[in-house]
């Protein structure tokens, strides 16, 4: 029987793969060996880790909760057992190319990458912050971060959280115009717009029950989420902002959230990487570091 540590390593790879066969290819072992290791882990915990079908496997709720804890434990074990050498191991030397949305990347992704760069000086971090959807395969990107729907079987995908969107206004703006009570009122009020780079047009505003609207004409339009947030803070207009940008300003009472009963369903956040053969350890390390940053 494999040691528990070895079984956990196999489980962590299988949790990101579409099938045990793919996990076996990444690990350089047989699919039967992966299946046996997973079965031994399931017997150890007394819980199913995967739902199996003839074509693919899906991690169970218990397995999804176990995976990040297992990765953290394995990383700690590797750090404890690592030799005291000033040179980085060969698999932790080289460039890792990352893409992420600009504001989300600055707030959550960059701090995690800076930590990786400090701990592993052999890894070269190459990050491109953009709100355009990068073609990860053609662009030779190793790891990406994306918000919204994600259905593409070319990638290994991990859901790491969600982000809500709300309509916000400054205290001064609300004193001048009052608090809107209906979505339809937004068309008569000053508003801000954020440009969708894929169309060149402002994004629609999203509300509950799958409702959308474009409250034009806008008083302020930009292609940068943080610039839009600054405009809302300045009282230029009401804006629909991601919660991670607005939260601190709500806490300081600089912004007020309105139309809360009409709030749309939060968007999921994903970290993903292409499925192109064995994954270098430096890429897996960066992938896990970014995913952990969203906890």
C-alpha atoms as a PDB file:
ATOM      1  CA  UNK A   1       0.000   0.000   0.000  1.00  0.00           C
ATOM      2  CA  UNK A   2       1.115   3.545  -0.727  1.00  0.00           C
ATOM      3  CA  UNK A   3       1.920   5.867   2.132  1.00  0.00           C
ATOM      4  CA  UNK A   4      -0.831   8.313   3.089  1.00  0.00           C
ATOM      5  CA  UNK A   5       1.298  11.213   1.824  1.00  0.00           C
ATOM      6  CA  UNK A   6       1.626   9.581  -1.617  1.00  0.00           C
ATOM      7  CA  UNK A   7      -2.112   8.906  -1.788  1.00  0.00           C
ATOM      8  CA  UNK A   8      -2.840  12.543  -0.929  1.00  0.00           C
ATOM      9  CA  UNK A   9      -0.522  13.718  -3.716  1.00  0.00           C
ATOM     10  CA  UNK A  10      -2.386  11.516  -6.188  1.00  0.00           C
ATOM     11  CA  UNK A  11      -5.730  12.784  -4.882  1.00  0.00           C
ATOM     12  CA  UNK A  12      -4.695  16.459  -5.300  1.00  0.00           C
ATOM     13  CA  UNK A  13      -3.778  15.877  -8.958  1.00  0.00           C
ATOM     14  CA  UNK A  14      -6.952  13.854  -9.613  1.00  0.00           C
ATOM     15  CA  UNK A  15      -9.092  16.607  -8.033  1.00  0.00           C
ATOM     16  CA  UNK A  16      -8.009  18.982 -10.821  1.00  0.00           C
ATOM     17  CA  UNK A  17      -8.165  16.473 -13.680  1.00  0.00           C
ATOM     18  CA  UNK A  18     -11.193  15.449 -15.759  1.00  0.00           C
ATOM     19  CA  UNK A  19     -10.502  11.735 -15.285  1.00  0.00           C
ATOM     20  CA  UNK A  20      -8.274   9.306 -13.455  1.00  0.00           C
ATOM     21  CA  UNK A  21      -6.653   8.552 -16.825  1.00  0.00           C
ATOM     22  CA  UNK A  22      -5.601  12.192 -17.193  1.00  0.00           C
ATOM     23  CA  UNK A  23      -4.341  12.234 -13.594  1.00  0.00           C
ATOM     24  CA  UNK A  24      -2.356   9.071 -14.300  1.00  0.00           C
ATOM     25  CA  UNK A  25      -0.742  10.698 -17.344  1.00  0.00           C
ATOM     26  CA  UNK A  26       0.253  13.751 -15.302  1.00  0.00           C
ATOM     27  CA  UNK A  27       1.658  11.559 -12.533  1.00  0.00           C
ATOM     28  CA  UNK A  28       3.425   9.076 -14.808  1.00  0.00           C
ATOM     29  CA  UNK A  29       1.560   6.082 -13.407  1.00  0.00           C
ATOM     30  CA  UNK A  30      -1.240   3.720 -14.469  1.00  0.00           C
ATOM     31  CA  UNK A  31      -4.950   4.657 -14.208  1.00  0.00           C
ATOM     32  CA  UNK A  32      -5.413   1.541 -12.085  1.00  0.00           C
ATOM     33  CA  UNK A  33      -2.806   2.869  -9.657  1.00  0.00           C
ATOM     34  CA  UNK A  34      -4.685   6.175  -9.356  1.00  0.00           C
ATOM     35  CA  UNK A  35      -7.995   4.360  -8.819  1.00  0.00           C
ATOM     36  CA  UNK A  36      -6.459   2.133  -6.149  1.00  0.00           C
ATOM     37  CA  UNK A  37      -4.917   5.111  -4.308  1.00  0.00           C
ATOM     38  CA  UNK A  38      -8.256   6.965  -4.317  1.00  0.00           C
ATOM     39  CA  UNK A  39     -10.097   3.883  -3.056  1.00  0.00           C
ATOM     40  CA  UNK A  40      -7.589   3.515  -0.214  1.00  0.00           C
ATOM     41  CA  UNK A  41      -8.080   7.178   0.726  1.00  0.00           C
ATOM     42  CA  UNK A  42     -11.862   6.765   0.648  1.00  0.00           C
ATOM     43  CA  UNK A  43     -11.554   3.766   2.942  1.00  0.00           C
ATOM     44  CA  UNK A  44      -9.284   5.810   5.243  1.00  0.00           C
ATOM     45  CA  UNK A  45     -11.765   8.696   5.539  1.00  0.00           C
ATOM     46  CA  UNK A  46     -14.941   6.661   5.244  1.00  0.00           C
ATOM     47  CA  UNK A  47     -16.216   9.115   2.612  1.00  0.00           C
ATOM     48  CA  UNK A  48     -16.489   9.171  -1.171  1.00  0.00           C
ATOM     49  CA  UNK A  49     -13.991  11.578  -2.763  1.00  0.00           C
ATOM     50  CA  UNK A  50     -15.294  11.363  -6.350  1.00  0.00           C
ATOM     51  CA  UNK A  51     -18.528  10.679  -8.195  1.00  0.00           C
ATOM     52  CA  UNK A  52     -17.587   8.340 -11.073  1.00  0.00           C
ATOM     53  CA  UNK A  53     -19.195   8.052 -14.495  1.00  0.00           C
ATOM     54  CA  UNK A  54     -18.018   6.176 -17.570  1.00  0.00           C
ATOM     55  CA  UNK A  55     -16.511   9.346 -19.068  1.00  0.00           C
ATOM     56  CA  UNK A  56     -15.301  11.522 -16.195  1.00  0.00           C
ATOM     57  CA  UNK A  57     -15.039  11.928 -12.458  1.00  0.00           C
ATOM     58  CA  UNK A  58     -16.315  14.807 -10.333  1.00  0.00           C
ATOM     59  CA  UNK A  59     -15.012  15.602  -6.897  1.00  0.00           C
ATOM     60  CA  UNK A  60     -17.577  15.281  -4.093  1.00  0.00           C
ATOM     61  CA  UNK A  61     -18.330  17.985  -1.553  1.00  0.00           C
ATOM     62  CA  UNK A  62     -16.144  16.181   0.983  1.00  0.00           C
ATOM     63  CA  UNK A  63     -13.355  15.878  -1.592  1.00  0.00           C
ATOM     64  CA  UNK A  64     -13.578  19.573  -2.487  1.00  0.00           C
ATOM     65  CA  UNK A  65     -13.179  20.495   1.185  1.00  0.00           C
ATOM     66  CA  UNK A  66     -10.296  18.063   1.642  1.00  0.00           C
ATOM     67  CA  UNK A  67      -8.263  19.145  -1.420  1.00  0.00           C
ATOM     68  CA  UNK A  68      -7.022  22.589  -0.197  1.00  0.00           C
ATOM     69  CA  UNK A  69      -6.204  21.164   3.244  1.00  0.00           C
ATOM     70  CA  UNK A  70      -4.282  18.304   1.639  1.00  0.00           C
ATOM     71  CA  UNK A  71      -2.320  20.681  -0.622  1.00  0.00           C
ATOM     72  CA  UNK A  72      -1.404  22.896   2.331  1.00  0.00           C
ATOM     73  CA  UNK A  73      -0.231  19.895   4.375  1.00  0.00           C
ATOM     74  CA  UNK A  74       1.849  18.532   1.505  1.00  0.00           C
ATOM     75  CA  UNK A  75       3.470  21.932   0.934  1.00  0.00           C
ATOM     76  CA  UNK A  76       4.365  22.154   4.622  1.00  0.00           C
ATOM     77  CA  UNK A  77       5.814  18.661   4.519  1.00  0.00           C
ATOM     78  CA  UNK A  78       7.913  19.525   1.446  1.00  0.00           C
ATOM     79  CA  UNK A  79       9.188  22.662   3.155  1.00  0.00           C
ATOM     80  CA  UNK A  80      10.176  20.700   6.282  1.00  0.00           C
ATOM     81  CA  UNK A  81      11.970  18.005   4.277  1.00  0.00           C
ATOM     82  CA  UNK A  82      13.624  20.404   1.798  1.00  0.00           C
ATOM     83  CA  UNK A  83      17.448  20.342   1.912  1.00  0.00           C
ATOM     84  CA  UNK A  84      19.204  23.437   3.257  1.00  0.00           C
ATOM     85  CA  UNK A  85      20.583  24.544  -0.103  1.00  0.00           C
ATOM     86  CA  UNK A  86      20.819  28.079  -1.480  1.00  0.00           C
ATOM     87  CA  UNK A  87      20.030  26.815  -4.970  1.00  0.00           C
ATOM     88  CA  UNK A  88      16.435  26.392  -6.100  1.00  0.00           C
ATOM     89  CA  UNK A  89      15.472  22.918  -7.371  1.00  0.00           C
ATOM     90  CA  UNK A  90      15.413  22.688 -11.164  1.00  0.00           C
ATOM     91  CA  UNK A  91      11.619  22.314 -11.299  1.00  0.00           C
ATOM     92  CA  UNK A  92      11.211  25.671  -9.511  1.00  0.00           C
ATOM     93  CA  UNK A  93      13.287  27.639 -12.018  1.00  0.00           C
ATOM     94  CA  UNK A  94      11.757  29.385 -15.014  1.00  0.00           C
ATOM     95  CA  UNK A  95       9.012  31.716 -16.177  1.00  0.00           C
ATOM     96  CA  UNK A  96       5.322  31.421 -15.263  1.00  0.00           C
ATOM     97  CA  UNK A  97       2.953  33.537 -17.368  1.00  0.00           C
ATOM     98  CA  UNK A  98      -0.266  34.677 -15.670  1.00  0.00           C
ATOM     99  CA  UNK A  99      -3.273  36.707 -16.784  1.00  0.00           C
ATOM    100  CA  UNK A 100      -5.896  38.262 -14.476  1.00  0.00           C
ATOM    101  CA  UNK A 101      -8.496  41.070 -14.503  1.00  0.00           C
ATOM    102  CA  UNK A 102      -6.883  44.381 -13.609  1.00  0.00           C
ATOM    103  CA  UNK A 103      -8.520  45.416 -10.335  1.00  0.00           C
ATOM    104  CA  UNK A 104      -9.002  41.868  -9.032  1.00  0.00           C
ATOM    105  CA  UNK A 105      -5.434  41.093 -10.045  1.00  0.00           C
ATOM    106  CA  UNK A 106      -4.006  44.053  -8.142  1.00  0.00           C
ATOM    107  CA  UNK A 107      -5.997  43.317  -4.983  1.00  0.00           C
ATOM    108  CA  UNK A 108      -5.750  39.535  -4.728  1.00  0.00           C
ATOM    109  CA  UNK A 109      -3.389  38.033  -7.296  1.00  0.00           C
ATOM    110  CA  UNK A 110      -0.349  40.330  -7.102  1.00  0.00           C
ATOM    111  CA  UNK A 111       0.165  39.923  -3.308  1.00  0.00           C
ATOM    112  CA  UNK A 112       0.163  36.135  -3.745  1.00  0.00           C
ATOM    113  CA  UNK A 113       2.639  36.309  -6.642  1.00  0.00           C
ATOM    114  CA  UNK A 114       4.930  38.664  -4.735  1.00  0.00           C
ATOM    115  CA  UNK A 115       5.050  36.094  -1.930  1.00  0.00           C
ATOM    116  CA  UNK A 116       5.894  33.326  -4.408  1.00  0.00           C
ATOM    117  CA  UNK A 117       8.672  35.472  -5.901  1.00  0.00           C
ATOM    118  CA  UNK A 118      10.184  36.093  -2.463  1.00  0.00           C
ATOM    119  CA  UNK A 119      10.076  32.444  -1.411  1.00  0.00           C
ATOM    120  CA  UNK A 120      11.170  31.028  -4.786  1.00  0.00           C
ATOM    121  CA  UNK A 121      13.615  33.421  -6.462  1.00  0.00           C
ATOM    122  CA  UNK A 122      14.175  30.971  -9.299  1.00  0.00           C
ATOM    123  CA  UNK A 123      10.616  31.533 -10.563  1.00  0.00           C
ATOM    124  CA  UNK A 124      10.159  34.462 -12.949  1.00  0.00           C
ATOM    125  CA  UNK A 125       6.685  35.970 -12.573  1.00  0.00           C
ATOM    126  CA  UNK A 126       5.262  37.337 -15.845  1.00  0.00           C
ATOM    127  CA  UNK A 127       1.758  38.740 -15.204  1.00  0.00           C
ATOM    128  CA  UNK A 128      -0.498  40.577 -17.650  1.00  0.00           C
ATOM    129  CA  UNK A 129      -3.387  42.481 -16.075  1.00  0.00           C
ATOM    130  CA  UNK A 130      -6.221  42.921 -18.544  1.00  0.00           C
ATOM    131  CA  UNK A 131      -9.995  42.838 -18.542  1.00  0.00           C
ATOM    132  CA  UNK A 132      -9.964  41.246 -21.986  1.00  0.00           C
ATOM    133  CA  UNK A 133     -10.440  37.473 -22.101  1.00  0.00           C
ATOM    134  CA  UNK A 134      -7.004  36.125 -23.014  1.00  0.00           C
ATOM    135  CA  UNK A 135      -6.664  33.110 -25.292  1.00  0.00           C
ATOM    136  CA  UNK A 136      -4.625  31.120 -22.812  1.00  0.00           C
ATOM    137  CA  UNK A 137      -3.671  28.375 -25.242  1.00  0.00           C
ATOM    138  CA  UNK A 138      -2.580  30.585 -28.161  1.00  0.00           C
ATOM    139  CA  UNK A 139      -1.098  33.217 -25.840  1.00  0.00           C
ATOM    140  CA  UNK A 140       1.092  30.662 -24.075  1.00  0.00           C
ATOM    141  CA  UNK A 141      -0.364  31.670 -20.696  1.00  0.00           C
ATOM    142  CA  UNK A 142       0.290  29.173 -17.901  1.00  0.00           C
ATOM    143  CA  UNK A 143      -2.316  30.323 -15.326  1.00  0.00           C
ATOM    144  CA  UNK A 144      -5.361  32.558 -15.658  1.00  0.00           C
ATOM    145  CA  UNK A 145      -8.027  34.121 -13.439  1.00  0.00           C
ATOM    146  CA  UNK A 146     -11.529  34.771 -14.759  1.00  0.00           C
ATOM    147  CA  UNK A 147     -14.914  35.910 -13.447  1.00  0.00           C
ATOM    148  CA  UNK A 148     -18.263  34.726 -14.786  1.00  0.00           C
ATOM    149  CA  UNK A 149     -19.308  31.565 -16.632  1.00  0.00           C
ATOM    150  CA  UNK A 150     -16.521  29.154 -17.526  1.00  0.00           C
ATOM    151  CA  UNK A 151     -17.237  26.090 -19.642  1.00  0.00           C
ATOM    152  CA  UNK A 152     -14.210  25.025 -21.674  1.00  0.00           C
ATOM    153  CA  UNK A 153     -12.848  21.486 -21.511  1.00  0.00           C
ATOM    154  CA  UNK A 154      -9.421  22.634 -22.731  1.00  0.00           C
ATOM    155  CA  UNK A 155      -8.614  23.807 -19.196  1.00  0.00           C
ATOM    156  CA  UNK A 156      -8.102  22.527 -15.683  1.00  0.00           C
ATOM    157  CA  UNK A 157     -10.437  24.808 -13.721  1.00  0.00           C
ATOM    158  CA  UNK A 158     -10.840  25.449 -10.003  1.00  0.00           C
ATOM    159  CA  UNK A 159     -13.639  27.599  -8.610  1.00  0.00           C
ATOM    160  CA  UNK A 160     -12.077  29.701  -5.849  1.00  0.00           C
ATOM    161  CA  UNK A 161     -14.843  32.087  -4.795  1.00  0.00           C
ATOM    162  CA  UNK A 162     -17.473  34.500  -6.035  1.00  0.00           C
ATOM    163  CA  UNK A 163     -17.936  38.237  -6.329  1.00  0.00           C
ATOM    164  CA  UNK A 164     -21.116  40.229  -5.951  1.00  0.00           C
ATOM    165  CA  UNK A 165     -22.083  43.430  -7.753  1.00  0.00           C
ATOM    166  CA  UNK A 166     -24.141  46.243  -6.291  1.00  0.00           C
ATOM    167  CA  UNK A 167     -25.299  49.740  -7.210  1.00  0.00           C
ATOM    168  CA  UNK A 168     -23.560  52.408  -5.150  1.00  0.00           C
ATOM    169  CA  UNK A 169     -23.701  56.163  -4.741  1.00  0.00           C
ATOM    170  CA  UNK A 170     -21.857  58.715  -2.638  1.00  0.00           C
ATOM    171  CA  UNK A 171     -23.467  60.477   0.308  1.00  0.00           C
ATOM    172  CA  UNK A 172     -23.432  63.820  -1.559  1.00  0.00           C
ATOM    173  CA  UNK A 173     -25.015  62.315  -4.677  1.00  0.00           C
ATOM    174  CA  UNK A 174     -27.850  60.819  -2.617  1.00  0.00           C
ATOM    175  CA  UNK A 175     -28.427  64.166  -0.893  1.00  0.00           C
ATOM    176  CA  UNK A 176     -28.820  65.807  -4.320  1.00  0.00           C
ATOM    177  CA  UNK A 177     -30.929  63.154  -6.063  1.00  0.00           C
ATOM    178  CA  UNK A 178     -32.340  60.937  -3.310  1.00  0.00           C
ATOM    179  CA  UNK A 179     -32.188  57.146  -3.085  1.00  0.00           C
ATOM    180  CA  UNK A 180     -33.569  55.301  -6.141  1.00  0.00           C
ATOM    181  CA  UNK A 181     -36.310  52.828  -5.252  1.00  0.00           C
ATOM    182  CA  UNK A 182     -36.820  51.213  -8.667  1.00  0.00           C
ATOM    183  CA  UNK A 183     -34.357  50.074 -11.343  1.00  0.00           C
ATOM    184  CA  UNK A 184     -36.215  52.178 -13.919  1.00  0.00           C
ATOM    185  CA  UNK A 185     -35.269  55.353 -12.011  1.00  0.00           C
ATOM    186  CA  UNK A 186     -31.600  54.875 -12.921  1.00  0.00           C
ATOM    187  CA  UNK A 187     -32.268  56.121 -16.465  1.00  0.00           C
ATOM    188  CA  UNK A 188     -33.194  59.525 -15.039  1.00  0.00           C
ATOM    189  CA  UNK A 189     -30.124  59.766 -12.765  1.00  0.00           C
ATOM    190  CA  UNK A 190     -26.414  60.387 -13.470  1.00  0.00           C
ATOM    191  CA  UNK A 191     -24.626  57.019 -13.809  1.00  0.00           C
ATOM    192  CA  UNK A 192     -21.201  55.637 -14.666  1.00  0.00           C
ATOM    193  CA  UNK A 193     -20.342  53.033 -17.296  1.00  0.00           C
ATOM    194  CA  UNK A 194     -17.558  50.488 -17.718  1.00  0.00           C
ATOM    195  CA  UNK A 195     -16.382  49.587 -21.236  1.00  0.00           C
ATOM    196  CA  UNK A 196     -16.413  45.928 -22.289  1.00  0.00           C
ATOM    197  CA  UNK A 197     -13.166  45.535 -24.262  1.00  0.00           C
ATOM    198  CA  UNK A 198     -14.568  42.710 -26.373  1.00  0.00           C
ATOM    199  CA  UNK A 199     -17.336  44.931 -27.815  1.00  0.00           C
ATOM    200  CA  UNK A 200     -16.146  48.498 -27.227  1.00  0.00           C
ATOM    201  CA  UNK A 201     -19.521  49.210 -25.618  1.00  0.00           C
ATOM    202  CA  UNK A 202     -20.376  49.729 -21.934  1.00  0.00           C
ATOM    203  CA  UNK A 203     -21.339  46.648 -19.933  1.00  0.00           C
ATOM    204  CA  UNK A 204     -25.017  46.245 -19.158  1.00  0.00           C
ATOM    205  CA  UNK A 205     -25.971  46.417 -15.487  1.00  0.00           C
ATOM    206  CA  UNK A 206     -27.070  43.075 -14.027  1.00  0.00           C
ATOM    207  CA  UNK A 207     -29.955  42.601 -11.595  1.00  0.00           C
ATOM    208  CA  UNK A 208     -31.942  39.808  -9.972  1.00  0.00           C
ATOM    209  CA  UNK A 209     -34.258  37.578 -12.032  1.00  0.00           C
ATOM    210  CA  UNK A 210     -31.733  37.819 -14.922  1.00  0.00           C
ATOM    211  CA  UNK A 211     -32.712  41.404 -15.641  1.00  0.00           C
ATOM    212  CA  UNK A 212     -30.292  43.726 -17.460  1.00  0.00           C
ATOM    213  CA  UNK A 213     -30.345  47.389 -18.369  1.00  0.00           C
ATOM    214  CA  UNK A 214     -28.027  50.040 -19.790  1.00  0.00           C
ATOM    215  CA  UNK A 215     -28.789  53.296 -17.923  1.00  0.00           C
ATOM    216  CA  UNK A 216     -27.618  55.623 -20.693  1.00  0.00           C
ATOM    217  CA  UNK A 217     -26.699  58.378 -21.235  1.00  0.00           C
ATOM    218  CA  UNK A 218     -23.836  57.932 -18.782  1.00  0.00           C
ATOM    219  CA  UNK A 219     -22.278  60.869 -16.973  1.00  0.00           C
ATOM    220  CA  UNK A 220     -18.898  59.097 -16.907  1.00  0.00           C
ATOM    221  CA  UNK A 221     -17.484  56.202 -18.953  1.00  0.00           C
ATOM    222  CA  UNK A 222     -14.134  54.419 -18.561  1.00  0.00           C
ATOM    223  CA  UNK A 223     -12.439  51.117 -19.317  1.00  0.00           C
ATOM    224  CA  UNK A 224     -10.871  50.880 -15.836  1.00  0.00           C
ATOM    225  CA  UNK A 225     -12.917  49.555 -12.858  1.00  0.00           C
ATOM    226  CA  UNK A 226     -10.901  51.504 -10.290  1.00  0.00           C
ATOM    227  CA  UNK A 227     -11.353  54.751 -12.240  1.00  0.00           C
ATOM    228  CA  UNK A 228     -15.110  54.100 -12.267  1.00  0.00           C
ATOM    229  CA  UNK A 229     -15.054  53.493  -8.509  1.00  0.00           C
ATOM    230  CA  UNK A 230     -13.221  56.813  -8.031  1.00  0.00           C
ATOM    231  CA  UNK A 231     -15.883  58.586 -10.094  1.00  0.00           C
ATOM    232  CA  UNK A 232     -18.673  57.102  -7.968  1.00  0.00           C
ATOM    233  CA  UNK A 233     -16.797  58.129  -4.813  1.00  0.00           C
ATOM    234  CA  UNK A 234     -16.533  61.677  -6.185  1.00  0.00           C
ATOM    235  CA  UNK A 235     -20.296  61.906  -6.619  1.00  0.00           C
ATOM    236  CA  UNK A 236     -20.256  61.906 -10.417  1.00  0.00           C
ATOM    237  CA  UNK A 237     -22.995  59.291 -10.592  1.00  0.00           C
ATOM    238  CA  UNK A 238     -24.407  56.000  -9.367  1.00  0.00           C
ATOM    239  CA  UNK A 239     -22.346  53.004 -10.479  1.00  0.00           C
ATOM    240  CA  UNK A 240     -22.568  49.225 -10.452  1.00  0.00           C
ATOM    241  CA  UNK A 241     -19.334  48.108  -8.798  1.00  0.00           C
ATOM    242  CA  UNK A 242     -17.832  44.783  -7.698  1.00  0.00           C
ATOM    243  CA  UNK A 243     -18.066  44.330  -3.942  1.00  0.00           C
ATOM    244  CA  UNK A 244     -14.310  43.923  -3.553  1.00  0.00           C
ATOM    245  CA  UNK A 245     -13.858  47.532  -4.747  1.00  0.00           C
ATOM    246  CA  UNK A 246     -16.823  49.055  -2.920  1.00  0.00           C
ATOM    247  CA  UNK A 247     -16.695  47.270   0.451  1.00  0.00           C
ATOM    248  CA  UNK A 248     -14.028  49.412   2.132  1.00  0.00           C
ATOM    249  CA  UNK A 249     -15.816  52.602   1.071  1.00  0.00           C
ATOM    250  CA  UNK A 250     -19.140  51.325   2.414  1.00  0.00           C
ATOM    251  CA  UNK A 251     -17.442  50.543   5.726  1.00  0.00           C
ATOM    252  CA  UNK A 252     -16.066  54.095   5.863  1.00  0.00           C
ATOM    253  CA  UNK A 253     -19.536  55.408   4.933  1.00  0.00           C
ATOM    254  CA  UNK A 254     -18.183  57.105   1.788  1.00  0.00           C
ATOM    255  CA  UNK A 255     -20.494  54.987  -0.372  1.00  0.00           C
ATOM    256  CA  UNK A 256     -24.066  53.828   0.134  1.00  0.00           C
ATOM    257  CA  UNK A 257     -25.485  50.687  -1.468  1.00  0.00           C
ATOM    258  CA  UNK A 258     -28.905  51.126  -3.093  1.00  0.00           C
ATOM    259  CA  UNK A 259     -31.441  48.813  -4.758  1.00  0.00           C
ATOM    260  CA  UNK A 260     -30.219  45.886  -2.628  1.00  0.00           C
ATOM    261  CA  UNK A 261     -33.405  43.849  -3.186  1.00  0.00           C
ATOM    262  CA  UNK A 262     -32.577  43.801  -6.910  1.00  0.00           C
ATOM    263  CA  UNK A 263     -28.992  42.561  -6.504  1.00  0.00           C
ATOM    264  CA  UNK A 264     -27.893  40.043  -9.143  1.00  0.00           C
ATOM    265  CA  UNK A 265     -26.535  36.568  -8.431  1.00  0.00           C
ATOM    266  CA  UNK A 266     -22.785  36.700  -7.617  1.00  0.00           C
ATOM    267  CA  UNK A 267     -20.342  35.771 -10.359  1.00  0.00           C
ATOM    268  CA  UNK A 268     -17.998  32.831  -9.781  1.00  0.00           C
ATOM    269  CA  UNK A 269     -14.225  33.341  -9.792  1.00  0.00           C
ATOM    270  CA  UNK A 270     -12.040  30.674 -11.412  1.00  0.00           C
ATOM    271  CA  UNK A 271      -8.337  29.914 -11.588  1.00  0.00           C
ATOM    272  CA  UNK A 272      -7.491  27.849 -14.649  1.00  0.00           C
ATOM    273  CA  UNK A 273      -4.620  26.451 -16.681  1.00  0.00           C
ATOM    274  CA  UNK A 274      -4.399  24.675 -20.041  1.00  0.00           C
ATOM    275  CA  UNK A 275      -4.442  20.909 -20.240  1.00  0.00           C
ATOM    276  CA  UNK A 276      -1.193  20.406 -22.140  1.00  0.00           C
ATOM    277  CA  UNK A 277       0.645  17.408 -20.738  1.00  0.00           C
ATOM    278  CA  UNK A 278       2.648  17.227 -17.521  1.00  0.00           C
ATOM    279  CA  UNK A 279       2.522  20.443 -15.512  1.00  0.00           C
ATOM    280  CA  UNK A 280       5.843  21.903 -14.257  1.00  0.00           C
ATOM    281  CA  UNK A 281       6.001  22.145 -10.493  1.00  0.00           C
ATOM    282  CA  UNK A 282       6.516  25.928 -10.663  1.00  0.00           C
ATOM    283  CA  UNK A 283       3.219  26.316 -12.583  1.00  0.00           C
ATOM    284  CA  UNK A 284       1.335  24.133 -10.110  1.00  0.00           C
ATOM    285  CA  UNK A 285       2.849  26.128  -7.222  1.00  0.00           C
ATOM    286  CA  UNK A 286       1.703  29.454  -8.725  1.00  0.00           C
ATOM    287  CA  UNK A 287      -1.723  27.985  -9.551  1.00  0.00           C
ATOM    288  CA  UNK A 288      -2.216  26.864  -5.937  1.00  0.00           C
ATOM    289  CA  UNK A 289      -0.877  30.157  -4.506  1.00  0.00           C
ATOM    290  CA  UNK A 290      -3.384  32.182  -6.525  1.00  0.00           C
ATOM    291  CA  UNK A 291      -6.244  29.843  -5.577  1.00  0.00           C
ATOM    292  CA  UNK A 292      -5.296  30.104  -1.892  1.00  0.00           C
ATOM    293  CA  UNK A 293      -5.306  33.910  -2.136  1.00  0.00           C
ATOM    294  CA  UNK A 294      -9.067  33.863  -2.670  1.00  0.00           C
ATOM    295  CA  UNK A 295      -9.798  32.016   0.571  1.00  0.00           C
END
